[in-house]
Amino acid sequence: MTLSSLAEKVRVDTTSGASEILISILRDLNRHIRDVDGLGRHELKEFAFSLHRAKPSMAPIFNLSNSILCLIEDHPQETIPSSLLRSLFTRILKREEAANASIATVANRMIDASRIVTISYSSTVVSAIKAMGENRKLSVMVAESEPGGEGRNTADIIASSGIETELIPDSIVASRSRDADAAIVGADAVTPEGVVNKVGTYALALATRNHRIPAYVLCSQSKLSPMAFTDVHMTGRRLGKNLCRMEQTFESTPLDLFSRVLTDAGVVRPVNLRSELKDYRKALAWQVSPLSAK
């Protein structure tokens, strides 16, 4: 399997969550470098850019690409030794594989709620809800999350674990959220500008604020990024002479609409998170990249 095919594998994966995609590509990369002494810096640099291009709205993929580019900057030799790459990939992989369990523990302690509302699919959110359901009687409302309907998968998984679950249309999530004690959402990225997640997250966050219900973001540290993700635009399909259908998959919801961000490193207030992201190292290569990471 070539590096370009690994990037393509990431691009065509439209069902896995961001954390699952990160774990998968890290395992693939470790297998790829197992039988070679190293990889050329130009080849690695092009792979880092193509990887980010494959999923431009996913912070874990940008962060992995950025880590590769920083490693290249720190080691000016023409070939980057496999030992250095393996150390980098294994460190990120171990942290990500342990993240869901850590976040579930934090959520179980932090979120005092028996009625939860959520949206879309997040392996982190599912793990946390299942953990919470082991220690208390829990009921969960899950928005279907069109387009794509990922919420149906979430509802099936939660219900199969013995938790009372209600699958609801996106159109009533705002009104139904008044019956919840808390909202929990995952994230593809958490930036100083907001939480990038499935469309409908913004409406849910506004509704919980209106109903005075706390809303929490659950995500691993790999989702935190100073980069402004812009691949959240709408797409249109012409239906007739004066009619077109508009759809949007992702959107950015302002951080201030959330009570806390729960990560595998602990609980962070949105205002403090902005300050922490200022110290994030971004590779110099992004400044001259046509991808224009900001």
Protein backbone atom coordinates (compact mmCIF):
# COMPACT_ATOMS: atom_id res chain seq x y z
CA MET A 1 0.00 0.00 0.00
CA THR A 2 1.44 3.39 -1.01
CA LEU A 3 1.20 6.67 0.89
CA SER A 4 -1.10 8.07 -1.79
CA SER A 5 -3.45 5.10 -1.42
CA LEU A 6 -3.50 5.62 2.36
CA ALA A 7 -4.58 9.23 1.83
CA GLU A 8 -7.24 8.07 -0.62
CA LYS A 9 -8.53 5.57 1.92
CA VAL A 10 -9.05 8.46 4.34
CA ARG A 11 -10.78 10.54 1.68
CA VAL A 12 -13.40 7.93 0.77
CA ASP A 13 -14.29 7.01 4.36
CA THR A 14 -17.65 8.72 4.88
CA THR A 15 -18.98 6.59 7.74
CA SER A 16 -16.29 6.52 10.44
CA GLY A 17 -15.87 9.19 13.08
CA ALA A 18 -12.80 11.44 13.12
CA SER A 19 -11.19 9.52 15.96
CA GLU A 20 -11.78 6.20 14.23
CA ILE A 21 -10.26 7.52 11.00
CA LEU A 22 -7.19 8.77 12.89
CA ILE A 23 -6.64 5.41 14.59
CA SER A 24 -7.04 3.57 11.31
CA ILE A 25 -4.53 5.72 9.38
CA LEU A 26 -1.98 5.53 12.20
CA ARG A 27 -2.15 1.73 12.20
CA ASP A 28 -1.79 1.73 8.41
CA LEU A 29 1.23 4.04 8.61
CA ASN A 30 2.97 1.84 11.16
CA ARG A 31 2.46 -1.16 8.88
CA HIS A 32 3.70 0.84 5.90
CA ILE A 33 7.04 1.78 7.51
CA ARG A 34 7.59 -1.59 9.20
CA ASP A 35 9.84 -2.96 6.43
CA VAL A 36 11.63 0.23 5.30
CA ASP A 37 14.54 2.17 6.79
CA GLY A 38 12.92 5.53 6.26
CA LEU A 39 10.91 7.80 4.00
CA GLY A 40 12.08 10.74 1.89
CA ARG A 41 11.23 14.19 3.25
CA HIS A 42 9.63 15.31 -0.05
CA GLU A 43 7.45 12.18 -0.17
CA LEU A 44 6.40 12.68 3.45
CA LYS A 45 5.65 16.36 2.91
CA GLU A 46 3.43 15.63 -0.08
CA PHE A 47 1.66 12.91 1.91
CA ALA A 48 1.00 15.32 4.80
CA PHE A 49 -0.65 17.79 2.43
CA SER A 50 -2.69 15.10 0.64
CA LEU A 51 -3.82 13.67 3.98
CA HIS A 52 -5.16 17.04 5.11
CA ARG A 53 -6.75 17.58 1.70
CA ALA A 54 -8.58 14.23 2.11
CA LYS A 55 -10.47 15.44 5.21
CA PRO A 56 -9.98 19.20 5.46
CA SER A 57 -12.58 19.70 8.22
CA MET A 58 -11.16 17.05 10.59
CA ALA A 59 -8.75 18.40 13.19
CA PRO A 60 -7.18 14.99 14.01
CA ILE A 61 -6.12 14.63 10.38
CA PHE A 62 -4.76 18.19 10.25
CA ASN A 63 -2.91 17.62 13.54
CA LEU A 64 -1.35 14.40 12.23
CA SER A 65 -0.31 16.17 9.03
CA ASN A 66 1.09 19.04 11.08
CA SER A 67 3.04 16.64 13.32
CA ILE A 68 4.62 15.03 10.24
CA LEU A 69 5.60 18.44 8.84
CA CYS A 70 7.08 19.53 12.19
CA LEU A 71 9.11 16.31 12.34
CA ILE A 72 10.48 17.05 8.86
CA GLU A 73 11.43 20.58 9.96
CA ASP A 74 13.25 19.27 13.04
CA HIS A 75 15.25 16.66 11.08
CA PRO A 76 16.83 18.18 7.94
CA GLN A 77 18.21 14.91 6.54
CA GLU A 78 16.86 13.76 3.16
CA THR A 79 15.45 10.54 4.62
CA ILE A 80 13.46 10.55 7.85
CA PRO A 81 14.31 7.34 9.78
CA SER A 82 11.48 4.88 10.35
CA SER A 83 12.30 4.84 14.07
CA LEU A 84 11.38 8.53 14.37
CA LEU A 85 8.18 8.06 12.38
CA ARG A 86 7.22 4.97 14.35
CA SER A 87 7.77 6.81 17.62
CA LEU A 88 5.55 9.69 16.47
CA PHE A 89 2.75 7.50 15.12
CA THR A 90 2.75 5.15 18.12
CA ARG A 91 2.63 8.01 20.63
CA ILE A 92 -0.39 9.59 18.93
CA LEU A 93 -2.06 6.18 18.47
CA LYS A 94 -1.74 5.16 22.12
CA ARG A 95 -3.14 8.47 23.29
CA GLU A 96 -6.09 8.28 20.89
CA GLU A 97 -6.90 4.65 21.71
CA ALA A 98 -7.08 5.49 25.42
CA ALA A 99 -9.00 8.74 24.95
CA ASN A 100 -12.57 7.44 24.89
CA ALA A 101 -12.23 5.59 28.19
CA SER A 102 -10.65 8.64 29.84
CA ILE A 103 -13.34 10.98 28.52
CA ALA A 104 -16.10 8.58 29.62
CA THR A 105 -14.71 8.67 33.16
CA VAL A 106 -14.62 12.48 33.14
CA ALA A 107 -18.16 12.70 31.69
CA ASN A 108 -19.56 10.25 34.24
CA ARG A 109 -18.19 12.43 37.04
CA MET A 110 -18.87 15.83 35.52
CA ILE A 111 -22.28 15.56 33.84
CA ASP A 112 -25.09 15.38 36.38
CA ALA A 113 -27.96 14.38 34.11
CA SER A 114 -30.36 11.50 33.58
CA ARG A 115 -31.93 12.79 30.33
CA ILE A 116 -29.50 13.43 27.49
CA VAL A 117 -29.97 14.87 24.01
CA THR A 118 -27.35 14.37 21.31
CA ILE A 119 -26.83 14.51 17.57
CA SER A 120 -25.03 12.58 14.81
CA TYR A 121 -22.49 9.82 15.57
CA SER A 122 -19.41 10.08 17.75
CA SER A 123 -17.64 7.05 19.20
CA THR A 124 -16.56 9.31 22.08
CA VAL A 125 -20.13 10.36 22.87
CA VAL A 126 -21.42 6.79 22.58
CA SER A 127 -18.73 5.51 24.97
CA ALA A 128 -19.52 8.25 27.48
CA ILE A 129 -23.28 7.66 27.39
CA LYS A 130 -22.84 3.91 27.83
CA ALA A 131 -20.56 4.52 30.81
CA MET A 132 -23.06 6.93 32.35
CA GLY A 133 -25.84 4.39 31.83
CA GLU A 134 -23.98 1.84 33.94
CA ASN A 135 -24.28 4.01 37.05
CA ARG A 136 -27.67 5.64 36.69
CA LYS A 137 -31.04 5.28 34.99
CA LEU A 138 -30.56 7.15 31.73
CA SER A 139 -32.74 8.14 28.78
CA VAL A 140 -31.33 9.57 25.55
CA MET A 141 -32.83 11.52 22.66
CA VAL A 142 -30.88 11.29 19.41
CA ALA A 143 -31.49 13.53 16.39
CA GLU A 144 -31.46 11.63 13.10
CA SER A 145 -28.81 14.01 11.71
CA GLU A 146 -29.64 14.35 8.03
CA PRO A 147 -28.08 14.39 5.52
CA GLY A 148 -26.52 11.02 6.23
CA GLY A 149 -28.68 9.97 9.16
CA GLU A 150 -25.74 9.08 11.43
CA GLY A 151 -27.97 9.57 14.45
CA ARG A 152 -29.78 6.34 13.61
CA ASN A 153 -26.56 4.41 14.15
CA THR A 154 -26.00 6.17 17.46
CA ALA A 155 -29.54 5.38 18.60
CA ASP A 156 -29.19 1.70 17.67
CA ILE A 157 -25.92 1.33 19.58
CA ILE A 158 -27.16 3.10 22.71
CA ALA A 159 -30.48 1.23 22.73
CA SER A 160 -28.70 -2.13 22.33
CA SER A 161 -26.75 -1.39 25.51
CA GLY A 162 -30.02 -1.28 27.48
CA ILE A 163 -30.51 2.48 27.65
CA GLU A 164 -33.94 3.93 26.88
CA THR A 165 -33.48 5.73 23.57
CA GLU A 166 -35.66 7.97 21.45
CA LEU A 167 -34.80 8.70 17.80
CA ILE A 168 -36.22 12.07 16.78
CA PRO A 169 -36.42 14.08 13.53
CA ASP A 170 -33.98 16.97 13.25
CA SER A 171 -36.94 19.35 12.91
CA ILE A 172 -38.07 18.85 16.53
CA VAL A 173 -34.72 18.58 18.33
CA ALA A 174 -34.93 22.21 19.50
CA SER A 175 -38.37 21.80 21.07
CA ARG A 176 -37.67 18.31 22.47
CA SER A 177 -34.43 19.43 24.09
CA ARG A 178 -36.44 21.27 26.75
CA ASP A 179 -37.08 17.82 28.27
CA ALA A 180 -33.36 17.07 28.60
CA ASP A 181 -31.02 17.75 31.51
CA ALA A 182 -27.98 18.18 29.27
CA ALA A 183 -26.81 18.07 25.67
CA ILE A 184 -23.70 16.15 24.65
CA VAL A 185 -22.04 16.45 21.24
CA GLY A 186 -18.84 15.22 19.66
CA ALA A 187 -16.60 17.20 17.33
CA ASP A 188 -14.50 16.88 14.21
CA ALA A 189 -12.61 19.96 15.37
CA VAL A 190 -12.58 22.44 18.22
CA THR A 191 -10.99 25.75 17.23
CA PRO A 192 -10.90 29.26 18.71
CA GLU A 193 -13.81 30.07 16.35
CA GLY A 194 -16.04 27.20 17.37
CA VAL A 195 -16.94 23.53 17.37
CA VAL A 196 -16.98 21.94 13.91
CA ASN A 197 -19.52 19.13 13.93
CA LYS A 198 -22.49 17.78 12.00
CA VAL A 199 -25.00 20.36 10.82
CA GLY A 200 -27.73 20.75 13.43
CA THR A 201 -25.25 21.18 16.28
CA TYR A 202 -25.68 24.98 16.18
CA ALA A 203 -29.47 24.73 16.48
CA LEU A 204 -29.16 22.26 19.35
CA ALA A 205 -26.67 24.48 21.20
CA LEU A 206 -28.93 27.53 20.78
CA ALA A 207 -31.92 25.55 22.01
CA THR A 208 -30.13 24.33 25.12
CA ARG A 209 -28.96 27.86 25.89
CA ASN A 210 -32.56 29.07 25.54
CA HIS A 211 -33.81 26.29 27.82
CA ARG A 212 -30.96 26.92 30.31
CA ILE A 213 -29.60 23.41 29.80
CA PRO A 214 -25.83 22.80 29.90
CA ALA A 215 -24.23 21.65 26.66
CA TYR A 216 -20.95 19.74 26.61
CA VAL A 217 -18.43 18.95 23.88
CA LEU A 218 -16.71 15.59 24.26
CA CYS A 219 -13.53 15.10 22.25
CA SER A 220 -9.98 13.84 22.44
CA GLN A 221 -7.04 16.24 22.45
CA SER A 222 -6.51 15.37 18.79
CA LYS A 223 -9.61 17.42 17.95
CA LEU A 224 -8.16 20.67 19.36
CA SER A 225 -6.61 22.92 16.74
CA PRO A 226 -5.78 26.60 16.18
CA MET A 227 -6.62 26.24 12.50
CA ALA A 228 -9.75 27.85 11.05
CA PHE A 229 -11.49 25.05 9.16
CA THR A 230 -13.40 26.39 6.17
CA ASP A 231 -14.76 23.23 4.52
CA VAL A 232 -18.23 23.66 5.98
CA HIS A 233 -19.89 25.30 2.99
CA MET A 234 -23.26 24.49 1.49
CA THR A 235 -23.73 22.56 -1.74
CA GLY A 236 -26.58 23.03 -4.16
CA ARG A 237 -28.40 20.84 -6.66
CA ARG A 238 -30.61 22.34 -9.35
CA LEU A 239 -34.16 20.93 -9.29
CA GLY A 240 -35.77 23.23 -11.82
CA LYS A 241 -35.51 26.56 -13.59
CA ASN A 242 -36.01 28.63 -10.45
CA LEU A 243 -35.47 25.98 -7.80
CA CYS A 244 -32.43 24.41 -6.22
CA ARG A 245 -31.92 22.19 -3.17
CA MET A 246 -29.25 23.27 -0.69
CA GLU A 247 -27.48 20.91 1.71
CA GLN A 248 -24.77 21.28 4.32
CA THR A 249 -22.92 18.54 6.17
CA PHE A 250 -20.77 20.36 8.73
CA GLU A 251 -21.05 23.67 10.54
CA SER A 252 -19.14 25.63 13.16
CA THR A 253 -20.94 26.41 16.42
CA PRO A 254 -19.54 29.23 18.62
CA LEU A 255 -17.60 27.93 21.62
CA ASP A 256 -19.46 30.28 23.96
CA LEU A 257 -22.67 28.27 23.52
CA PHE A 258 -21.09 25.34 25.37
CA SER A 259 -20.64 25.00 29.12
CA ARG A 260 -17.47 22.92 29.04
CA VAL A 261 -15.21 20.95 26.72
CA LEU A 262 -14.38 17.51 28.10
CA THR A 263 -11.17 15.90 26.82
CA ASP A 264 -8.92 13.03 27.86
CA ALA A 265 -6.79 15.67 29.62
CA GLY A 266 -9.70 16.95 31.72
CA VAL A 267 -12.37 19.67 31.69
CA VAL A 268 -11.74 23.01 29.96
CA ARG A 269 -13.77 26.20 29.91
CA PRO A 270 -14.23 27.59 26.38
CA VAL A 271 -12.55 30.89 27.29
CA ASN A 272 -9.48 29.06 28.64
CA LEU A 273 -9.33 26.79 25.61
CA ARG A 274 -8.88 29.77 23.31
CA SER A 275 -5.82 30.83 25.29
CA GLU A 276 -4.33 27.33 25.24
CA LEU A 277 -4.64 27.04 21.47
CA LYS A 278 -2.52 30.15 20.97
CA ASP A 279 0.58 28.17 22.00
CA TYR A 280 -0.01 25.42 19.43
CA ARG A 281 2.94 24.92 17.06
CA LYS A 282 2.02 25.09 13.39
CA ALA A 283 4.56 23.91 10.79
CA LEU A 284 6.12 26.60 8.62
CA ALA A 285 5.25 24.55 5.54
CA TRP A 286 1.59 25.60 5.85
CA GLN A 287 2.57 29.19 5.09
CA VAL A 288 3.60 28.28 1.54
CA SER A 289 1.10 25.47 1.03
CA PRO A 290 -1.67 25.90 -1.55
CA LEU A 291 -4.00 24.50 1.13
CA SER A 292 -3.60 27.79 3.03
CA ALA A 293 -4.05 26.43 6.56
CA LYS A 294 -4.83 29.36 8.86
